Amino acid sequence: MTDISTLENVDYDPNRLLDFLIEKMRTKNDAGLSRELGVAPPVISKIRHRRLPVGASMLIRMHEISDLSIRELRNLMGDRREKHRISPEQFKPKV
């Protein structure tokens, strides 16, 4: 199993997070992980192919099933940002 403490200077890669969770949850593949997370299998595929970011609700669900902190989960995928800013554009209504 991957040791979280050795992942200090790694690049962003959501596959590392997904692979770690598959190993930790002892599922066989992405389909098994999607069942554990309660999401459709294409969601995991889109995250793997970087067409969908690992959002806050997904991180919370990953935290709930793995007992890892959000910080540990973010470290696994190489996300080292200290602060997250929301763009003012995200609050504007869609027309």
C-alpha atoms as a PDB file:
ATOM      1  CA  MET A   1       0.000   0.000   0.000  1.00  0.00           C
ATOM      2  CA  THR A   2       1.226   3.516  -0.781  1.00  0.00           C
ATOM      3  CA  ASP A   3       2.638   5.370   2.207  1.00  0.00           C
ATOM      4  CA  ILE A   4       1.010   8.802   2.421  1.00  0.00           C
ATOM      5  CA  SER A   5       3.990  10.329   4.238  1.00  0.00           C
ATOM      6  CA  THR A   6       6.297   9.693   1.249  1.00  0.00           C
ATOM      7  CA  LEU A   7       4.162  11.783  -1.118  1.00  0.00           C
ATOM      8  CA  GLU A   8       5.759  15.147  -0.423  1.00  0.00           C
ATOM      9  CA  ASN A   9       6.806  16.537  -3.803  1.00  0.00           C
ATOM     10  CA  VAL A  10       4.607  14.824  -6.336  1.00  0.00           C
ATOM     11  CA  ASP A  11       2.675  16.276  -9.242  1.00  0.00           C
ATOM     12  CA  TYR A  12      -1.107  16.391  -9.391  1.00  0.00           C
ATOM     13  CA  ASP A  13      -2.466  12.989 -10.361  1.00  0.00           C
ATOM     14  CA  PRO A  14      -5.983  11.921  -9.320  1.00  0.00           C
ATOM     15  CA  ASN A  15      -5.185   8.347 -10.454  1.00  0.00           C
ATOM     16  CA  ARG A  16      -2.873   7.929  -7.465  1.00  0.00           C
ATOM     17  CA  LEU A  17      -5.787   8.779  -5.148  1.00  0.00           C
ATOM     18  CA  LEU A  18      -8.195   6.429  -6.933  1.00  0.00           C
ATOM     19  CA  ASP A  19      -5.670   3.577  -6.969  1.00  0.00           C
ATOM     20  CA  PHE A  20      -4.958   4.071  -3.266  1.00  0.00           C
ATOM     21  CA  LEU A  21      -8.674   3.948  -2.439  1.00  0.00           C
ATOM     22  CA  ILE A  22      -9.180   0.807  -4.542  1.00  0.00           C
ATOM     23  CA  GLU A  23      -6.370  -0.851  -2.615  1.00  0.00           C
ATOM     24  CA  LYS A  24      -7.552   0.408   0.787  1.00  0.00           C
ATOM     25  CA  MET A  25     -11.183  -0.540   0.195  1.00  0.00           C
ATOM     26  CA  ARG A  26     -10.106  -3.893  -1.297  1.00  0.00           C
ATOM     27  CA  THR A  27     -12.214  -3.429  -4.374  1.00  0.00           C
ATOM     28  CA  LYS A  28     -11.137  -5.015  -7.641  1.00  0.00           C
ATOM     29  CA  ASN A  29     -11.512  -2.050  -9.968  1.00  0.00           C
ATOM     30  CA  ASP A  30     -13.050   1.348 -10.665  1.00  0.00           C
ATOM     31  CA  ALA A  31     -16.555  -0.146 -10.822  1.00  0.00           C
ATOM     32  CA  GLY A  32     -16.159  -1.480  -7.282  1.00  0.00           C
ATOM     33  CA  LEU A  33     -14.868   1.876  -6.093  1.00  0.00           C
ATOM     34  CA  SER A  34     -17.797   3.654  -7.721  1.00  0.00           C
ATOM     35  CA  ARG A  35     -20.193   1.364  -5.803  1.00  0.00           C
ATOM     36  CA  GLU A  36     -18.388   2.147  -2.531  1.00  0.00           C
ATOM     37  CA  LEU A  37     -18.577   5.875  -3.254  1.00  0.00           C
ATOM     38  CA  GLY A  38     -22.178   5.729  -4.436  1.00  0.00           C
ATOM     39  CA  VAL A  39     -21.452   7.278  -7.836  1.00  0.00           C
ATOM     40  CA  ALA A  40     -21.887   6.050 -11.393  1.00  0.00           C
ATOM     41  CA  PRO A  41     -18.821   4.343 -12.934  1.00  0.00           C
ATOM     42  CA  PRO A  42     -18.417   7.078 -15.596  1.00  0.00           C
ATOM     43  CA  VAL A  43     -17.713   9.577 -12.790  1.00  0.00           C
ATOM     44  CA  ILE A  44     -14.596   7.629 -11.788  1.00  0.00           C
ATOM     45  CA  SER A  45     -13.579   7.329 -15.444  1.00  0.00           C
ATOM     46  CA  LYS A  46     -13.947  11.079 -15.965  1.00  0.00           C
ATOM     47  CA  ILE A  47     -11.825  11.769 -12.875  1.00  0.00           C
ATOM     48  CA  ARG A  48      -9.167   9.324 -14.131  1.00  0.00           C
ATOM     49  CA  HIS A  49      -9.041  11.032 -17.515  1.00  0.00           C
ATOM     50  CA  ARG A  50      -9.047  14.495 -15.891  1.00  0.00           C
ATOM     51  CA  ARG A  51     -12.301  15.539 -17.479  1.00  0.00           C
ATOM     52  CA  LEU A  52     -13.895  15.961 -14.039  1.00  0.00           C
ATOM     53  CA  PRO A  53     -12.150  17.396 -10.970  1.00  0.00           C
ATOM     54  CA  VAL A  54     -12.306  15.723  -7.596  1.00  0.00           C
ATOM     55  CA  GLY A  55     -14.831  18.088  -6.036  1.00  0.00           C
ATOM     56  CA  ALA A  56     -15.599  18.831  -2.426  1.00  0.00           C
ATOM     57  CA  SER A  57     -18.543  16.425  -2.193  1.00  0.00           C
ATOM     58  CA  MET A  58     -16.430  13.623  -3.694  1.00  0.00           C
ATOM     59  CA  LEU A  59     -13.604  14.317  -1.238  1.00  0.00           C
ATOM     60  CA  ILE A  60     -16.068  14.225   1.644  1.00  0.00           C
ATOM     61  CA  ARG A  61     -17.465  10.893   0.467  1.00  0.00           C
ATOM     62  CA  MET A  62     -13.917   9.519   0.063  1.00  0.00           C
ATOM     63  CA  HIS A  63     -13.174  10.693   3.606  1.00  0.00           C
ATOM     64  CA  GLU A  64     -16.287   8.942   4.924  1.00  0.00           C
ATOM     65  CA  ILE A  65     -15.465   5.566   3.395  1.00  0.00           C
ATOM     66  CA  SER A  66     -11.700   5.613   3.985  1.00  0.00           C
ATOM     67  CA  ASP A  67     -11.322   7.379   7.352  1.00  0.00           C
ATOM     68  CA  LEU A  68      -8.511   9.456   5.816  1.00  0.00           C
ATOM     69  CA  SER A  69      -8.529  13.197   6.393  1.00  0.00           C
ATOM     70  CA  ILE A  70      -9.339  15.554   3.537  1.00  0.00           C
ATOM     71  CA  ARG A  71      -5.715  16.772   3.725  1.00  0.00           C
ATOM     72  CA  GLU A  72      -4.425  13.191   3.330  1.00  0.00           C
ATOM     73  CA  LEU A  73      -6.731  12.602   0.359  1.00  0.00           C
ATOM     74  CA  ARG A  74      -5.593  15.844  -1.278  1.00  0.00           C
ATOM     75  CA  ASN A  75      -1.943  14.925  -0.643  1.00  0.00           C
ATOM     76  CA  LEU A  76      -2.468  11.570  -2.337  1.00  0.00           C
ATOM     77  CA  MET A  77      -3.465  13.275  -5.559  1.00  0.00           C
ATOM     78  CA  GLY A  78      -0.722  15.895  -5.268  1.00  0.00           C
ATOM     79  CA  ASP A  79      -2.963  18.852  -4.392  1.00  0.00           C
ATOM     80  CA  ARG A  80      -0.842  21.034  -2.094  1.00  0.00           C
ATOM     81  CA  ARG A  81      -2.854  24.256  -2.185  1.00  0.00           C
ATOM     82  CA  GLU A  82      -3.321  25.848   1.212  1.00  0.00           C
ATOM     83  CA  LYS A  83      -6.349  27.949   0.277  1.00  0.00           C
ATOM     84  CA  HIS A  84      -9.138  27.469  -2.202  1.00  0.00           C
ATOM     85  CA  ARG A  85     -10.670  30.513  -3.739  1.00  0.00           C
ATOM     86  CA  ILE A  86     -14.028  30.663  -5.405  1.00  0.00           C
ATOM     87  CA  SER A  87     -14.276  32.866  -8.433  1.00  0.00           C
ATOM     88  CA  PRO A  88     -16.934  35.610  -8.347  1.00  0.00           C
ATOM     89  CA  GLU A  89     -18.072  34.175 -11.699  1.00  0.00           C
ATOM     90  CA  GLN A  90     -19.281  31.035  -9.888  1.00  0.00           C
ATOM     91  CA  PHE A  91     -21.859  33.065  -7.983  1.00  0.00           C
ATOM     92  CA  LYS A  92     -23.402  34.714 -11.031  1.00  0.00           C
ATOM     93  CA  PRO A  93     -26.660  33.185 -12.251  1.00  0.00           C
ATOM     94  CA  LYS A  94     -26.451  31.285 -15.517  1.00  0.00           C
ATOM     95  CA  VAL A  95     -28.373  32.957 -18.303  1.00  0.00           C
END
